[in-house]
């Protein structure tokens, strides 16, 4: 098992498609690239597991609340695993996922998430861009501002994942608008080291 130098999330098998599919979203941080290159080889078994402090819907005391998710870029990866966790539990909670990026071209895995939303009627995806005045078929604005235009989210469990600036800005805005801090779980990441 290895965790040093990179972040990852392994997604559960997509039950809605009834296929055995495993995905790993790996984001390079620091010395991850050499570690991954040394650890990965044809025929070699790799064991990946989520970080001990990672986001999880089942770790919350209020497991019956509907979910609001705010994802910035590849911050979608941990939230996507929670969406698939909700699917594995029967889709009893509604999930509202606001997928944010600076430009429409930067929307991470929009096609895959749209397909998942088609398969799961309890899942709503709202693509959002902040810096693309020519974008079409997406909401314009910061991911948190767009979400707050649709609801106050006071009765939801909230997950936020993305860059440090996006996450802290979103959490602060939500709290200023009346969301209690205990409703919010978040995770941020720094830009990869080149």
N, C-alpha and C. Protein backbone atom coordinates (compact mmCIF):
# COMPACT_ATOMS: atom_id res chain seq x y z
N UNK A 1 0.85 -1.17 0.00
CA UNK A 1 0.00 0.00 0.00
C UNK A 1 0.89 1.23 0.00
N UNK A 2 0.54 2.26 -0.79
CA UNK A 2 1.35 3.46 -0.79
C UNK A 2 0.47 4.70 -0.88
N UNK A 3 0.84 5.70 -0.09
CA UNK A 3 0.12 6.97 -0.04
C UNK A 3 1.07 8.14 -0.26
N UNK A 4 2.34 7.92 -0.18
CA UNK A 4 3.33 9.00 -0.13
C UNK A 4 3.34 9.79 -1.43
N UNK A 5 3.18 11.12 -1.33
CA UNK A 5 3.41 12.00 -2.45
C UNK A 5 2.29 12.16 -3.45
N UNK A 6 1.16 11.50 -3.28
CA UNK A 6 0.08 11.72 -4.21
C UNK A 6 -1.26 11.46 -3.55
N UNK A 7 -2.29 11.97 -4.19
CA UNK A 7 -3.65 11.78 -3.71
C UNK A 7 -4.37 10.89 -4.72
N UNK A 8 -5.30 10.08 -4.25
CA UNK A 8 -6.06 9.25 -5.16
C UNK A 8 -7.37 8.85 -4.52
N UNK A 9 -8.26 8.42 -5.35
CA UNK A 9 -9.52 7.87 -4.88
C UNK A 9 -9.81 6.68 -5.76
N UNK A 10 -10.12 5.56 -5.18
CA UNK A 10 -10.55 4.40 -5.94
C UNK A 10 -12.06 4.35 -5.85
N UNK A 11 -12.70 4.31 -6.98
CA UNK A 11 -14.15 4.31 -7.02
C UNK A 11 -14.67 2.88 -7.00
N UNK A 12 -15.81 2.71 -6.36
CA UNK A 12 -16.41 1.39 -6.29
C UNK A 12 -16.94 0.99 -7.66
N UNK A 13 -17.23 -0.29 -7.83
CA UNK A 13 -17.80 -0.76 -9.09
C UNK A 13 -19.11 -0.02 -9.33
N UNK A 14 -19.33 0.40 -10.54
CA UNK A 14 -20.56 1.11 -10.88
C UNK A 14 -21.70 0.11 -10.95
N UNK A 15 -22.50 0.09 -9.89
CA UNK A 15 -23.59 -0.86 -9.83
C UNK A 15 -24.66 -0.56 -10.86
N UNK A 16 -24.86 0.71 -11.18
CA UNK A 16 -25.90 1.06 -12.14
C UNK A 16 -25.61 0.49 -13.51
N UNK A 17 -24.36 0.23 -13.83
CA UNK A 17 -24.03 -0.34 -15.12
C UNK A 17 -23.82 -1.85 -15.06
N UNK A 18 -23.82 -2.39 -13.85
CA UNK A 18 -23.63 -3.81 -13.63
C UNK A 18 -22.38 -4.35 -14.32
N UNK A 19 -21.31 -3.58 -14.26
CA UNK A 19 -20.03 -4.06 -14.76
C UNK A 19 -19.02 -3.91 -13.66
N UNK A 20 -17.96 -4.64 -13.74
CA UNK A 20 -16.92 -4.53 -12.73
C UNK A 20 -15.88 -3.55 -13.26
N UNK A 21 -15.95 -2.32 -12.79
CA UNK A 21 -15.08 -1.27 -13.25
C UNK A 21 -14.43 -0.60 -12.05
N UNK A 22 -13.14 -0.51 -12.06
CA UNK A 22 -12.42 0.21 -11.02
C UNK A 22 -11.73 1.39 -11.68
N UNK A 23 -11.77 2.55 -11.04
CA UNK A 23 -11.11 3.73 -11.54
C UNK A 23 -10.21 4.29 -10.46
N UNK A 24 -9.10 4.82 -10.86
CA UNK A 24 -8.24 5.54 -9.92
C UNK A 24 -7.97 6.90 -10.52
N UNK A 25 -8.21 7.94 -9.75
CA UNK A 25 -7.88 9.30 -10.17
C UNK A 25 -6.63 9.68 -9.41
N UNK A 26 -5.53 9.86 -10.11
CA UNK A 26 -4.26 10.13 -9.46
C UNK A 26 -3.79 11.52 -9.86
N UNK A 27 -3.50 12.31 -8.88
CA UNK A 27 -3.02 13.68 -9.10
C UNK A 27 -1.61 13.78 -8.56
N UNK A 28 -0.70 14.20 -9.39
CA UNK A 28 0.70 14.29 -8.99
C UNK A 28 0.90 15.41 -7.98
N UNK A 29 1.54 15.10 -6.87
CA UNK A 29 1.92 16.07 -5.86
C UNK A 29 3.34 15.73 -5.43
N UNK A 30 4.25 16.66 -5.57
CA UNK A 30 5.63 16.43 -5.14
C UNK A 30 6.30 15.32 -5.92
N UNK A 31 6.74 14.28 -5.23
CA UNK A 31 7.50 13.20 -5.85
C UNK A 31 6.64 12.02 -6.27
N UNK A 32 5.35 12.24 -6.52
CA UNK A 32 4.46 11.13 -6.85
C UNK A 32 4.85 10.43 -8.13
N UNK A 33 5.23 11.18 -9.13
CA UNK A 33 5.52 10.58 -10.42
C UNK A 33 6.60 9.49 -10.32
N UNK A 34 7.76 9.77 -9.71
CA UNK A 34 8.75 8.68 -9.58
C UNK A 34 8.22 7.51 -8.75
N UNK A 35 7.49 7.81 -7.66
CA UNK A 35 6.96 6.74 -6.81
C UNK A 35 6.00 5.87 -7.61
N UNK A 36 5.13 6.49 -8.37
CA UNK A 36 4.15 5.73 -9.14
C UNK A 36 4.84 4.93 -10.23
N UNK A 37 5.83 5.54 -10.88
CA UNK A 37 6.55 4.84 -11.93
C UNK A 37 7.27 3.62 -11.37
N UNK A 38 7.86 3.75 -10.18
CA UNK A 38 8.56 2.63 -9.57
C UNK A 38 7.60 1.55 -9.10
N UNK A 39 6.41 1.95 -8.66
CA UNK A 39 5.46 0.99 -8.12
C UNK A 39 4.61 0.29 -9.15
N UNK A 40 4.47 0.88 -10.34
CA UNK A 40 3.58 0.31 -11.35
C UNK A 40 4.37 -0.40 -12.42
N UNK A 41 4.05 -1.66 -12.64
CA UNK A 41 4.67 -2.43 -13.71
C UNK A 41 3.68 -3.49 -14.16
N UNK A 42 3.79 -3.88 -15.41
CA UNK A 42 2.89 -4.89 -15.94
C UNK A 42 2.99 -6.15 -15.08
N UNK A 43 1.84 -6.63 -14.63
CA UNK A 43 1.80 -7.84 -13.83
C UNK A 43 2.00 -7.63 -12.35
N UNK A 44 2.40 -6.45 -11.94
CA UNK A 44 2.62 -6.17 -10.52
C UNK A 44 1.32 -5.73 -9.88
N UNK A 45 1.03 -6.27 -8.73
CA UNK A 45 -0.19 -5.95 -8.02
C UNK A 45 0.01 -4.68 -7.19
N UNK A 46 -0.89 -3.72 -7.36
CA UNK A 46 -0.88 -2.49 -6.59
C UNK A 46 -2.12 -2.45 -5.72
N UNK A 47 -1.96 -2.11 -4.48
CA UNK A 47 -3.10 -1.97 -3.58
C UNK A 47 -3.28 -0.49 -3.28
N UNK A 48 -4.43 0.05 -3.64
CA UNK A 48 -4.75 1.44 -3.38
C UNK A 48 -5.89 1.49 -2.39
N UNK A 49 -5.83 2.45 -1.50
CA UNK A 49 -6.92 2.63 -0.55
C UNK A 49 -7.10 4.12 -0.31
N UNK A 50 -8.30 4.53 0.11
CA UNK A 50 -8.50 5.95 0.35
C UNK A 50 -7.71 6.41 1.56
N UNK A 51 -7.38 7.70 1.57
CA UNK A 51 -6.70 8.26 2.72
C UNK A 51 -7.58 8.11 3.95
N UNK A 52 -6.96 7.97 5.08
CA UNK A 52 -7.72 7.77 6.32
C UNK A 52 -8.62 8.95 6.62
N UNK A 53 -8.22 10.17 6.23
CA UNK A 53 -9.02 11.35 6.51
C UNK A 53 -9.88 11.76 5.31
N UNK A 54 -10.03 10.88 4.33
CA UNK A 54 -10.76 11.21 3.12
C UNK A 54 -12.25 11.43 3.36
N UNK A 55 -12.91 12.02 2.35
CA UNK A 55 -14.33 12.30 2.43
C UNK A 55 -15.14 11.02 2.26
N UNK A 56 -16.22 10.91 3.00
CA UNK A 56 -17.10 9.76 2.89
C UNK A 56 -18.49 10.13 3.39
N UNK A 57 -19.51 9.74 2.64
CA UNK A 57 -20.88 10.04 3.06
C UNK A 57 -21.30 9.19 4.25
N UNK A 58 -20.80 7.97 4.37
CA UNK A 58 -21.24 7.10 5.46
C UNK A 58 -20.58 7.44 6.79
N UNK A 59 -19.55 8.28 6.76
CA UNK A 59 -18.87 8.61 8.01
C UNK A 59 -19.60 9.70 8.78
N UNK A 60 -20.67 10.21 8.24
CA UNK A 60 -21.40 11.31 8.85
C UNK A 60 -22.52 10.78 9.75
N UNK A 61 -22.78 11.53 10.81
CA UNK A 61 -23.83 11.15 11.75
C UNK A 61 -25.22 11.31 11.13
N UNK A 62 -25.38 12.28 10.23
CA UNK A 62 -26.70 12.55 9.64
C UNK A 62 -26.73 11.93 8.24
N UNK A 63 -26.82 10.62 8.18
CA UNK A 63 -26.73 9.90 6.91
C UNK A 63 -28.00 9.95 6.08
N UNK A 64 -29.08 10.54 6.61
CA UNK A 64 -30.31 10.58 5.83
C UNK A 64 -30.49 11.88 5.07
N UNK A 65 -29.66 12.89 5.31
CA UNK A 65 -29.77 14.17 4.60
C UNK A 65 -29.41 14.01 3.12
N UNK A 66 -30.08 14.81 2.28
CA UNK A 66 -29.67 14.90 0.89
C UNK A 66 -28.32 15.60 0.84
N UNK A 67 -27.63 15.47 -0.30
CA UNK A 67 -26.27 15.96 -0.41
C UNK A 67 -26.13 17.09 -1.42
N UNK A 68 -25.34 18.09 -1.06
CA UNK A 68 -24.87 19.11 -1.99
C UNK A 68 -23.37 18.89 -2.12
N UNK A 69 -22.90 18.85 -3.37
CA UNK A 69 -21.48 18.68 -3.62
C UNK A 69 -21.00 19.80 -4.52
N UNK A 70 -19.90 20.42 -4.12
CA UNK A 70 -19.26 21.47 -4.91
C UNK A 70 -17.88 20.98 -5.30
N UNK A 71 -17.66 20.77 -6.59
CA UNK A 71 -16.38 20.24 -7.07
C UNK A 71 -15.70 21.26 -7.95
N UNK A 72 -14.43 21.49 -7.69
CA UNK A 72 -13.62 22.34 -8.55
C UNK A 72 -12.60 21.49 -9.26
N UNK A 73 -12.67 21.41 -10.59
CA UNK A 73 -11.70 20.64 -11.38
C UNK A 73 -11.64 19.18 -10.96
N UNK A 74 -10.42 18.68 -10.74
CA UNK A 74 -10.26 17.28 -10.36
C UNK A 74 -10.69 17.01 -8.92
N UNK A 75 -11.16 18.05 -8.22
CA UNK A 75 -11.80 17.85 -6.92
C UNK A 75 -13.05 16.99 -7.06
N UNK A 76 -13.45 16.74 -8.31
CA UNK A 76 -14.58 15.85 -8.56
C UNK A 76 -14.29 14.42 -8.11
N UNK A 77 -13.04 13.97 -8.19
CA UNK A 77 -12.72 12.55 -7.94
C UNK A 77 -13.23 12.03 -6.60
N UNK A 78 -12.93 12.69 -5.46
CA UNK A 78 -13.46 12.16 -4.20
C UNK A 78 -14.99 12.25 -4.12
N UNK A 79 -15.55 13.29 -4.74
CA UNK A 79 -17.01 13.44 -4.70
C UNK A 79 -17.69 12.40 -5.58
N UNK A 80 -17.06 12.06 -6.68
CA UNK A 80 -17.59 11.01 -7.55
C UNK A 80 -17.64 9.68 -6.81
N UNK A 81 -16.65 9.42 -5.98
CA UNK A 81 -16.66 8.17 -5.22
C UNK A 81 -17.83 8.17 -4.23
N UNK A 82 -18.17 9.34 -3.68
CA UNK A 82 -19.33 9.41 -2.78
C UNK A 82 -20.62 9.20 -3.55
N UNK A 83 -20.72 9.76 -4.75
CA UNK A 83 -21.89 9.53 -5.60
C UNK A 83 -22.06 8.04 -5.84
N UNK A 84 -20.98 7.37 -6.15
CA UNK A 84 -21.06 5.93 -6.40
C UNK A 84 -21.36 5.17 -5.11
N UNK A 85 -20.93 5.68 -3.98
CA UNK A 85 -21.28 5.09 -2.69
C UNK A 85 -22.79 5.20 -2.46
N UNK A 86 -23.37 6.36 -2.76
CA UNK A 86 -24.82 6.55 -2.64
C UNK A 86 -25.55 5.58 -3.56
N UNK A 87 -25.03 5.39 -4.78
CA UNK A 87 -25.64 4.43 -5.71
C UNK A 87 -25.60 3.02 -5.14
N UNK A 88 -24.46 2.65 -4.55
CA UNK A 88 -24.32 1.31 -3.97
C UNK A 88 -25.28 1.09 -2.81
N UNK A 89 -25.65 2.19 -2.13
CA UNK A 89 -26.59 2.11 -1.01
C UNK A 89 -28.04 2.23 -1.46
N UNK A 90 -28.27 2.22 -2.78
CA UNK A 90 -29.64 2.23 -3.29
C UNK A 90 -30.16 3.60 -3.73
N UNK A 91 -29.36 4.62 -3.69
CA UNK A 91 -29.78 5.94 -4.15
C UNK A 91 -30.92 6.53 -3.35
N UNK A 92 -30.89 6.34 -2.05
CA UNK A 92 -31.99 6.84 -1.20
C UNK A 92 -31.91 8.34 -0.94
N UNK A 93 -30.77 8.96 -1.22
CA UNK A 93 -30.62 10.39 -1.00
C UNK A 93 -30.45 11.11 -2.33
N UNK A 94 -31.01 12.30 -2.43
CA UNK A 94 -30.80 13.12 -3.62
C UNK A 94 -29.42 13.76 -3.52
N UNK A 95 -28.75 13.80 -4.66
CA UNK A 95 -27.42 14.39 -4.74
C UNK A 95 -27.44 15.50 -5.78
N UNK A 96 -27.00 16.69 -5.36
CA UNK A 96 -26.88 17.84 -6.24
C UNK A 96 -25.40 18.14 -6.37
N UNK A 97 -24.84 17.88 -7.56
CA UNK A 97 -23.41 18.06 -7.78
C UNK A 97 -23.17 19.23 -8.72
N UNK A 98 -22.53 20.26 -8.20
CA UNK A 98 -22.14 21.42 -8.99
C UNK A 98 -20.68 21.23 -9.36
N UNK A 99 -20.45 21.07 -10.65
CA UNK A 99 -19.13 20.77 -11.18
C UNK A 99 -18.54 22.05 -11.75
N UNK A 100 -17.52 22.60 -11.11
CA UNK A 100 -16.98 23.89 -11.51
C UNK A 100 -15.63 23.83 -12.18
N UNK A 101 -15.41 24.81 -13.05
CA UNK A 101 -14.11 24.99 -13.71
C UNK A 101 -14.04 26.44 -14.17
N UNK A 102 -12.85 26.85 -14.58
CA UNK A 102 -12.72 28.22 -15.09
C UNK A 102 -13.35 28.36 -16.47
N UNK A 103 -13.13 27.36 -17.34
CA UNK A 103 -13.69 27.40 -18.69
C UNK A 103 -14.46 26.12 -18.98
N UNK A 104 -15.30 26.18 -19.97
CA UNK A 104 -16.10 25.01 -20.34
C UNK A 104 -15.20 23.83 -20.73
N UNK A 105 -14.12 24.13 -21.41
CA UNK A 105 -13.17 23.09 -21.83
C UNK A 105 -12.53 22.38 -20.64
N UNK A 106 -12.44 23.07 -19.49
CA UNK A 106 -11.79 22.52 -18.30
C UNK A 106 -12.72 21.69 -17.42
N UNK A 107 -13.98 21.55 -17.78
CA UNK A 107 -14.90 20.76 -16.95
C UNK A 107 -14.47 19.31 -16.96
N UNK A 108 -14.04 18.82 -15.81
CA UNK A 108 -13.45 17.49 -15.67
C UNK A 108 -14.54 16.42 -15.65
N UNK A 109 -14.44 15.44 -16.52
CA UNK A 109 -15.31 14.26 -16.57
C UNK A 109 -16.79 14.59 -16.67
N UNK A 110 -17.13 15.68 -17.36
CA UNK A 110 -18.54 16.06 -17.51
C UNK A 110 -19.33 14.99 -18.26
N UNK A 111 -18.75 14.43 -19.29
CA UNK A 111 -19.45 13.39 -20.06
C UNK A 111 -19.75 12.17 -19.19
N UNK A 112 -18.77 11.73 -18.42
CA UNK A 112 -18.98 10.57 -17.55
C UNK A 112 -20.01 10.84 -16.47
N UNK A 113 -19.96 12.03 -15.89
CA UNK A 113 -20.92 12.37 -14.84
C UNK A 113 -22.32 12.55 -15.41
N UNK A 114 -22.43 13.11 -16.62
CA UNK A 114 -23.75 13.26 -17.26
C UNK A 114 -24.35 11.89 -17.53
N UNK A 115 -23.53 10.94 -17.95
CA UNK A 115 -24.02 9.58 -18.17
C UNK A 115 -24.50 8.95 -16.85
N UNK A 116 -23.74 9.16 -15.81
CA UNK A 116 -24.13 8.64 -14.50
C UNK A 116 -25.45 9.26 -14.03
N UNK A 117 -25.61 10.56 -14.26
CA UNK A 117 -26.86 11.25 -13.87
C UNK A 117 -28.04 10.72 -14.68
N UNK A 118 -27.81 10.35 -15.93
CA UNK A 118 -28.87 9.76 -16.76
C UNK A 118 -29.31 8.43 -16.17
N UNK A 119 -28.36 7.67 -15.65
CA UNK A 119 -28.65 6.36 -15.06
C UNK A 119 -29.24 6.45 -13.65
N UNK A 120 -29.02 7.57 -12.97
CA UNK A 120 -29.43 7.73 -11.57
C UNK A 120 -30.35 8.93 -11.44
N UNK A 121 -31.66 8.73 -11.36
CA UNK A 121 -32.59 9.87 -11.31
C UNK A 121 -32.46 10.73 -10.06
N UNK A 122 -31.80 10.27 -9.04
CA UNK A 122 -31.60 11.03 -7.81
C UNK A 122 -30.39 11.96 -7.89
N UNK A 123 -29.65 11.91 -8.99
CA UNK A 123 -28.43 12.69 -9.17
C UNK A 123 -28.67 13.84 -10.15
N UNK A 124 -28.33 15.04 -9.72
CA UNK A 124 -28.45 16.23 -10.57
C UNK A 124 -27.06 16.84 -10.73
N UNK A 125 -26.63 17.04 -11.97
CA UNK A 125 -25.32 17.62 -12.27
C UNK A 125 -25.54 19.02 -12.85
N UNK A 126 -24.83 20.01 -12.30
CA UNK A 126 -24.89 21.38 -12.81
C UNK A 126 -23.47 21.82 -13.16
N UNK A 127 -23.10 21.80 -14.46
CA UNK A 127 -21.78 22.28 -14.84
C UNK A 127 -21.74 23.81 -14.73
N UNK A 128 -20.63 24.31 -14.19
CA UNK A 128 -20.49 25.73 -13.88
C UNK A 128 -19.11 26.22 -14.28
N UNK A 129 -19.06 27.37 -14.95
CA UNK A 129 -17.77 27.95 -15.30
C UNK A 129 -17.71 29.38 -14.79
N UNK A 130 -16.52 29.78 -14.36
CA UNK A 130 -16.36 31.11 -13.77
C UNK A 130 -15.73 32.14 -14.71
N UNK A 131 -14.93 31.71 -15.68
CA UNK A 131 -14.18 32.65 -16.51
C UNK A 131 -14.33 32.39 -18.00
N UNK A 132 -15.51 32.05 -18.46
CA UNK A 132 -15.70 31.73 -19.87
C UNK A 132 -16.98 32.39 -20.39
N UNK A 133 -16.90 33.63 -20.84
CA UNK A 133 -18.11 34.33 -21.27
C UNK A 133 -18.76 33.72 -22.51
N UNK A 134 -18.05 32.86 -23.22
CA UNK A 134 -18.60 32.24 -24.44
C UNK A 134 -19.16 30.85 -24.20
N UNK A 135 -19.14 30.40 -22.96
CA UNK A 135 -19.63 29.04 -22.65
C UNK A 135 -21.12 28.94 -22.92
N UNK A 136 -21.54 27.74 -23.33
CA UNK A 136 -22.95 27.48 -23.62
C UNK A 136 -23.40 26.26 -22.83
N UNK A 137 -24.66 26.25 -22.47
CA UNK A 137 -25.26 25.10 -21.77
C UNK A 137 -24.63 24.82 -20.42
N UNK A 138 -24.06 25.84 -19.79
CA UNK A 138 -23.51 25.72 -18.45
C UNK A 138 -23.90 26.96 -17.67
N UNK A 139 -23.88 26.86 -16.35
CA UNK A 139 -24.13 28.02 -15.50
C UNK A 139 -22.85 28.86 -15.44
N UNK A 140 -23.01 30.17 -15.33
CA UNK A 140 -21.87 31.07 -15.28
C UNK A 140 -21.74 31.65 -13.87
N UNK A 141 -20.56 31.54 -13.28
CA UNK A 141 -20.29 32.07 -11.95
C UNK A 141 -19.46 31.08 -11.16
N UNK A 142 -19.09 31.47 -9.95
CA UNK A 142 -18.35 30.53 -9.11
C UNK A 142 -19.30 29.40 -8.72
N UNK A 143 -18.75 28.25 -8.46
CA UNK A 143 -19.56 27.07 -8.18
C UNK A 143 -20.47 27.30 -6.96
N UNK A 144 -19.96 27.96 -5.93
CA UNK A 144 -20.78 28.19 -4.74
C UNK A 144 -21.87 29.22 -5.01
N UNK A 145 -21.56 30.28 -5.77
CA UNK A 145 -22.58 31.28 -6.08
C UNK A 145 -23.71 30.71 -6.92
N UNK A 146 -23.36 29.88 -7.89
CA UNK A 146 -24.40 29.24 -8.70
C UNK A 146 -25.27 28.32 -7.84
N UNK A 147 -24.64 27.54 -6.98
CA UNK A 147 -25.41 26.65 -6.10
C UNK A 147 -26.35 27.45 -5.21
N UNK A 148 -25.88 28.56 -4.67
CA UNK A 148 -26.72 29.37 -3.77
C UNK A 148 -27.83 30.11 -4.51
N UNK A 149 -27.73 30.23 -5.82
CA UNK A 149 -28.84 30.78 -6.60
C UNK A 149 -30.00 29.80 -6.67
N UNK A 150 -29.72 28.51 -6.49
CA UNK A 150 -30.75 27.47 -6.61
C UNK A 150 -31.40 27.09 -5.30
N UNK A 151 -30.71 27.28 -4.17
CA UNK A 151 -31.24 26.84 -2.87
C UNK A 151 -30.36 27.42 -1.77
N UNK A 152 -30.86 27.38 -0.55
CA UNK A 152 -30.05 27.81 0.59
C UNK A 152 -29.21 26.67 1.14
N UNK A 153 -29.62 25.43 0.89
CA UNK A 153 -28.90 24.21 1.28
C UNK A 153 -28.78 24.04 2.79
N UNK A 154 -29.68 24.67 3.55
CA UNK A 154 -29.60 24.62 5.01
C UNK A 154 -29.90 23.23 5.58
N UNK A 155 -30.58 22.39 4.83
CA UNK A 155 -30.94 21.05 5.31
C UNK A 155 -30.19 19.94 4.58
N UNK A 156 -29.03 20.26 4.04
CA UNK A 156 -28.25 19.29 3.29
C UNK A 156 -26.91 19.03 3.96
N UNK A 157 -26.38 17.88 3.70
CA UNK A 157 -25.00 17.57 4.04
C UNK A 157 -24.17 18.07 2.86
N UNK A 158 -23.10 18.81 3.13
CA UNK A 158 -22.38 19.50 2.06
C UNK A 158 -20.93 19.03 2.00
N UNK A 159 -20.49 18.72 0.78
CA UNK A 159 -19.11 18.31 0.52
C UNK A 159 -18.50 19.27 -0.48
N UNK A 160 -17.29 19.75 -0.20
CA UNK A 160 -16.60 20.68 -1.08
C UNK A 160 -15.19 20.14 -1.32
N UNK A 161 -14.78 20.09 -2.59
CA UNK A 161 -13.45 19.59 -2.89
C UNK A 161 -12.91 20.30 -4.13
N UNK A 162 -11.66 20.77 -4.03
CA UNK A 162 -11.02 21.47 -5.14
C UNK A 162 -9.78 22.16 -4.65
N UNK A 163 -9.41 23.24 -5.33
CA UNK A 163 -8.22 23.99 -4.94
C UNK A 163 -8.45 24.64 -3.59
N UNK A 164 -7.37 25.00 -2.93
CA UNK A 164 -7.45 25.64 -1.61
C UNK A 164 -8.32 26.90 -1.67
N UNK A 165 -8.11 27.75 -2.68
CA UNK A 165 -8.88 29.00 -2.79
C UNK A 165 -10.36 28.72 -3.03
N UNK A 166 -10.67 27.76 -3.90
CA UNK A 166 -12.06 27.43 -4.19
C UNK A 166 -12.75 26.88 -2.96
N UNK A 167 -12.09 25.98 -2.26
CA UNK A 167 -12.69 25.34 -1.09
C UNK A 167 -12.92 26.34 0.04
N UNK A 168 -11.90 27.10 0.39
CA UNK A 168 -12.04 28.04 1.51
C UNK A 168 -13.04 29.14 1.17
N UNK A 169 -13.02 29.62 -0.08
CA UNK A 169 -14.00 30.62 -0.50
C UNK A 169 -15.42 30.09 -0.42
N UNK A 170 -15.61 28.84 -0.86
CA UNK A 170 -16.95 28.21 -0.82
C UNK A 170 -17.42 28.00 0.61
N UNK A 171 -16.56 27.47 1.46
CA UNK A 171 -16.93 27.22 2.86
C UNK A 171 -17.28 28.54 3.54
N UNK A 172 -16.47 29.57 3.36
CA UNK A 172 -16.76 30.86 3.98
C UNK A 172 -18.08 31.44 3.49
N UNK A 173 -18.33 31.35 2.20
CA UNK A 173 -19.59 31.87 1.64
C UNK A 173 -20.78 31.11 2.19
N UNK A 174 -20.70 29.79 2.25
CA UNK A 174 -21.79 28.98 2.79
C UNK A 174 -22.10 29.35 4.24
N UNK A 175 -21.07 29.50 5.05
CA UNK A 175 -21.26 29.85 6.47
C UNK A 175 -21.87 31.25 6.59
N UNK A 176 -21.40 32.18 5.77
CA UNK A 176 -21.98 33.53 5.78
C UNK A 176 -23.46 33.52 5.41
N UNK A 177 -23.85 32.54 4.61
CA UNK A 177 -25.25 32.44 4.18
C UNK A 177 -26.11 31.58 5.10
N UNK A 178 -25.57 31.17 6.25
CA UNK A 178 -26.36 30.49 7.25
C UNK A 178 -26.18 28.99 7.40
N UNK A 179 -25.33 28.40 6.58
CA UNK A 179 -25.04 26.97 6.70
C UNK A 179 -24.15 26.79 7.93
N UNK A 180 -24.47 25.81 8.77
CA UNK A 180 -23.66 25.58 9.95
C UNK A 180 -22.39 24.81 9.58
N UNK A 181 -21.27 25.13 10.22
CA UNK A 181 -20.01 24.45 9.88
C UNK A 181 -20.07 22.93 10.01
N UNK A 182 -20.90 22.40 10.92
CA UNK A 182 -20.97 20.94 11.06
C UNK A 182 -21.67 20.26 9.89
N UNK A 183 -22.31 21.00 9.02
CA UNK A 183 -22.93 20.43 7.81
C UNK A 183 -21.92 20.26 6.69
N UNK A 184 -20.75 20.87 6.82
CA UNK A 184 -19.80 20.96 5.71
C UNK A 184 -18.57 20.09 5.97
N UNK A 185 -18.24 19.28 4.96
CA UNK A 185 -16.97 18.54 4.95
C UNK A 185 -16.23 18.99 3.72
N UNK A 186 -14.93 19.17 3.85
CA UNK A 186 -14.18 19.66 2.70
C UNK A 186 -12.79 19.09 2.66
N UNK A 187 -12.25 19.16 1.44
CA UNK A 187 -10.88 18.71 1.20
C UNK A 187 -10.33 19.59 0.08
N UNK A 188 -9.12 20.07 0.25
CA UNK A 188 -8.51 20.89 -0.79
C UNK A 188 -7.16 20.31 -1.17
N UNK A 189 -6.69 20.77 -2.30
CA UNK A 189 -5.37 20.33 -2.75
C UNK A 189 -4.62 21.52 -3.32
N UNK A 190 -3.32 21.40 -3.31
CA UNK A 190 -2.45 22.44 -3.88
C UNK A 190 -2.17 22.10 -5.34
N UNK A 191 -1.72 23.08 -6.08
CA UNK A 191 -1.33 22.83 -7.46
C UNK A 191 -0.16 21.83 -7.49
N UNK A 192 -0.14 20.97 -8.50
CA UNK A 192 0.97 20.02 -8.61
C UNK A 192 2.31 20.72 -8.76
N UNK A 193 3.33 20.10 -8.21
CA UNK A 193 4.70 20.61 -8.34
C UNK A 193 5.22 20.15 -9.70
N UNK A 194 5.78 21.06 -10.46
CA UNK A 194 6.29 20.70 -11.80
C UNK A 194 7.70 20.18 -11.73
